[in-house]
Amino acid sequence: MEIILKDDIKGLGYKDDVVTVKPGYGRNYLIPQGLAILATESNKKVLAENLKQASHKAEKVKTEAEAIANSIGDLELSIGAKAGESGKIFGAVTALQIADSLKAKGFDIDRRKISFSSDIKMLGEYTVLLDLHKEVKKEITIKVVEE
């Protein structure tokens, strides 16, 4: 079943992408939640026209995302956490903590655009992926240190 996404959906695609999903997922979840519409010929034509009209704005958004990625550069964040003797922290470092730390450095990035491969539950260095735009991704290093 082909659908047109109305929002970014992690693991599936970005807004205005035409993707193929299983019929049950599309009919029972994506379309009723307002996250997608059926990719009929008329909807595809409307999408093409909207994309054509919004291409200038989209280019500006991409340029801004690239500027943010360049200004971040090789930034290393240090996040403090309470830890036990073995180096295991109490709880976990979350995307919200990383977003707050980035905001303190002057970068306003939504927590939903921050992802990491595994839970951060030990002291040490980790690589975090910032999804700034569908074509602009930036990896940063965070150090989890004991408070």
Protein backbone atom coordinates (compact mmCIF):
# COMPACT_ATOMS: atom_id res chain seq x y z
CA MET A 1 0.00 0.00 0.00
CA GLU A 2 1.46 3.36 -1.01
CA ILE A 3 0.93 6.34 1.26
CA ILE A 4 2.11 9.95 1.47
CA LEU A 5 3.47 10.91 4.90
CA LYS A 6 2.13 14.10 6.44
CA ASP A 7 4.73 14.08 9.24
CA ASP A 8 8.23 12.77 9.91
CA ILE A 9 7.97 9.21 11.25
CA LYS A 10 11.11 7.70 12.71
CA GLY A 11 12.11 4.54 10.90
CA LEU A 12 9.63 5.09 8.06
CA GLY A 13 10.31 8.40 6.34
CA TYR A 14 10.00 12.15 6.28
CA LYS A 15 7.12 14.52 5.57
CA ASP A 16 5.89 14.36 1.95
CA ASP A 17 7.69 11.08 1.21
CA VAL A 18 5.76 8.44 -0.74
CA VAL A 19 6.40 5.14 1.02
CA THR A 20 5.08 1.60 0.81
CA VAL A 21 3.73 0.05 4.01
CA LYS A 22 1.72 -3.00 4.89
CA PRO A 23 -2.00 -2.37 4.37
CA GLY A 24 -2.96 -2.90 8.02
CA TYR A 25 -0.36 -0.43 9.29
CA GLY A 26 -1.52 2.18 6.82
CA ARG A 27 -5.28 1.68 7.19
CA ASN A 28 -5.43 1.05 10.93
CA TYR A 29 -2.76 3.40 12.29
CA LEU A 30 -1.18 5.95 9.94
CA ILE A 31 -4.27 7.22 8.14
CA PRO A 32 -6.62 7.37 11.19
CA GLN A 33 -3.92 9.15 13.24
CA GLY A 34 -3.58 11.77 10.50
CA LEU A 35 0.04 10.84 9.86
CA ALA A 36 -0.51 9.84 6.23
CA ILE A 37 -2.89 9.91 3.28
CA LEU A 38 -3.41 7.40 0.48
CA ALA A 39 -1.09 7.91 -2.48
CA THR A 40 -3.74 8.16 -5.18
CA GLU A 41 -2.95 9.80 -8.53
CA SER A 42 -4.72 13.02 -7.51
CA ASN A 43 -2.94 13.16 -4.14
CA LYS A 44 0.41 12.59 -5.90
CA LYS A 45 -0.31 15.50 -8.27
CA VAL A 46 -1.22 17.76 -5.34
CA LEU A 47 1.97 16.68 -3.56
CA ALA A 48 4.10 17.40 -6.64
CA GLU A 49 2.59 20.88 -6.97
CA ASN A 50 3.07 21.61 -3.26
CA LEU A 51 6.69 20.43 -3.40
CA LYS A 52 7.32 22.57 -6.48
CA GLN A 53 5.95 25.65 -4.72
CA ALA A 54 7.77 24.90 -1.47
CA SER A 55 11.13 24.02 -3.04
CA HIS A 56 12.60 27.47 -2.30
CA LYS A 57 11.55 27.29 1.34
CA ALA A 58 12.83 23.70 1.60
CA GLU A 59 16.21 24.76 0.24
CA LYS A 60 16.37 27.51 2.87
CA VAL A 61 15.56 25.02 5.66
CA LYS A 62 18.26 22.65 4.36
CA THR A 63 20.79 25.50 4.24
CA GLU A 64 19.94 26.44 7.84
CA ALA A 65 20.37 22.81 8.94
CA GLU A 66 23.77 22.66 7.20
CA ALA A 67 24.78 25.91 8.92
CA ILE A 68 23.85 24.45 12.31
CA ALA A 69 25.80 21.26 11.52
CA ASN A 70 28.85 23.30 10.52
CA SER A 71 28.64 25.50 13.61
CA ILE A 72 28.40 22.43 15.86
CA GLY A 73 31.61 21.13 14.29
CA ASP A 74 33.44 18.68 16.54
CA LEU A 75 31.52 19.66 19.66
CA GLU A 76 31.96 17.42 22.68
CA LEU A 77 29.31 17.63 25.37
CA SER A 78 29.94 16.68 28.95
CA ILE A 79 26.94 15.43 30.89
CA GLY A 80 27.14 14.80 34.61
CA ALA A 81 25.35 11.87 36.21
CA LYS A 82 25.40 10.19 39.59
CA ALA A 83 27.11 6.83 39.35
CA GLY A 84 27.96 3.85 41.50
CA GLU A 85 31.44 2.49 42.12
CA SER A 86 31.35 0.27 39.02
CA GLY A 87 30.68 3.23 36.70
CA LYS A 88 27.02 2.38 36.18
CA ILE A 89 24.91 5.52 36.41
CA PHE A 90 21.64 5.74 38.29
CA GLY A 91 19.01 5.89 35.53
CA ALA A 92 20.12 6.78 32.01
CA VAL A 93 21.14 9.79 29.97
CA THR A 94 18.14 10.82 27.87
CA ALA A 95 17.67 12.81 24.69
CA LEU A 96 16.12 15.58 26.81
CA GLN A 97 19.34 15.94 28.85
CA ILE A 98 21.37 16.09 25.64
CA ALA A 99 18.99 18.70 24.18
CA ASP A 100 19.30 20.81 27.35
CA SER A 101 23.08 20.54 27.20
CA LEU A 102 23.04 21.61 23.54
CA LYS A 103 20.74 24.51 24.40
CA ALA A 104 23.23 25.65 27.06
CA LYS A 105 25.88 25.73 24.29
CA GLY A 106 23.57 27.84 22.09
CA PHE A 107 22.08 25.16 19.81
CA ASP A 108 18.30 24.76 19.96
CA ILE A 109 17.68 21.21 18.73
CA ASP A 110 14.47 19.31 19.40
CA ARG A 111 14.92 16.22 21.57
CA ARG A 112 13.02 14.10 19.04
CA LYS A 113 15.80 14.73 16.53
CA ILE A 114 18.43 13.20 18.83
CA SER A 115 19.06 9.46 18.66
CA PHE A 116 21.65 7.02 19.96
CA SER A 117 22.24 3.37 19.19
CA SER A 118 21.96 2.04 22.74
CA ASP A 119 20.88 3.27 26.14
CA ILE A 120 23.49 5.37 27.90
CA LYS A 121 23.77 3.76 31.32
CA MET A 122 27.52 3.79 31.99
CA LEU A 123 30.17 6.47 32.37
CA GLY A 124 32.22 7.02 29.21
CA GLU A 125 32.11 8.41 25.68
CA TYR A 126 29.18 7.90 23.32
CA THR A 127 28.32 8.97 19.79
CA VAL A 128 24.95 10.63 19.29
CA LEU A 129 23.25 11.32 15.95
CA LEU A 130 21.46 14.63 15.36
CA ASP A 131 18.86 14.41 12.58
CA LEU A 132 18.76 18.08 11.56
CA HIS A 133 17.16 17.54 8.14
CA LYS A 134 16.38 14.53 5.99
CA GLU A 135 19.62 15.17 4.09
CA VAL A 136 21.67 16.65 6.96
CA LYS A 137 22.78 14.44 9.84
CA LYS A 138 25.50 15.26 12.36
CA GLU A 139 27.29 13.02 14.84
CA ILE A 140 28.54 14.47 18.10
CA THR A 141 30.43 12.95 20.99
CA ILE A 142 29.14 13.12 24.53
CA LYS A 143 31.09 12.27 27.64
CA VAL A 144 29.16 11.00 30.61
CA VAL A 145 31.09 11.98 33.73
CA GLU A 146 30.40 11.45 37.40
CA GLU A 147 28.91 14.39 39.27
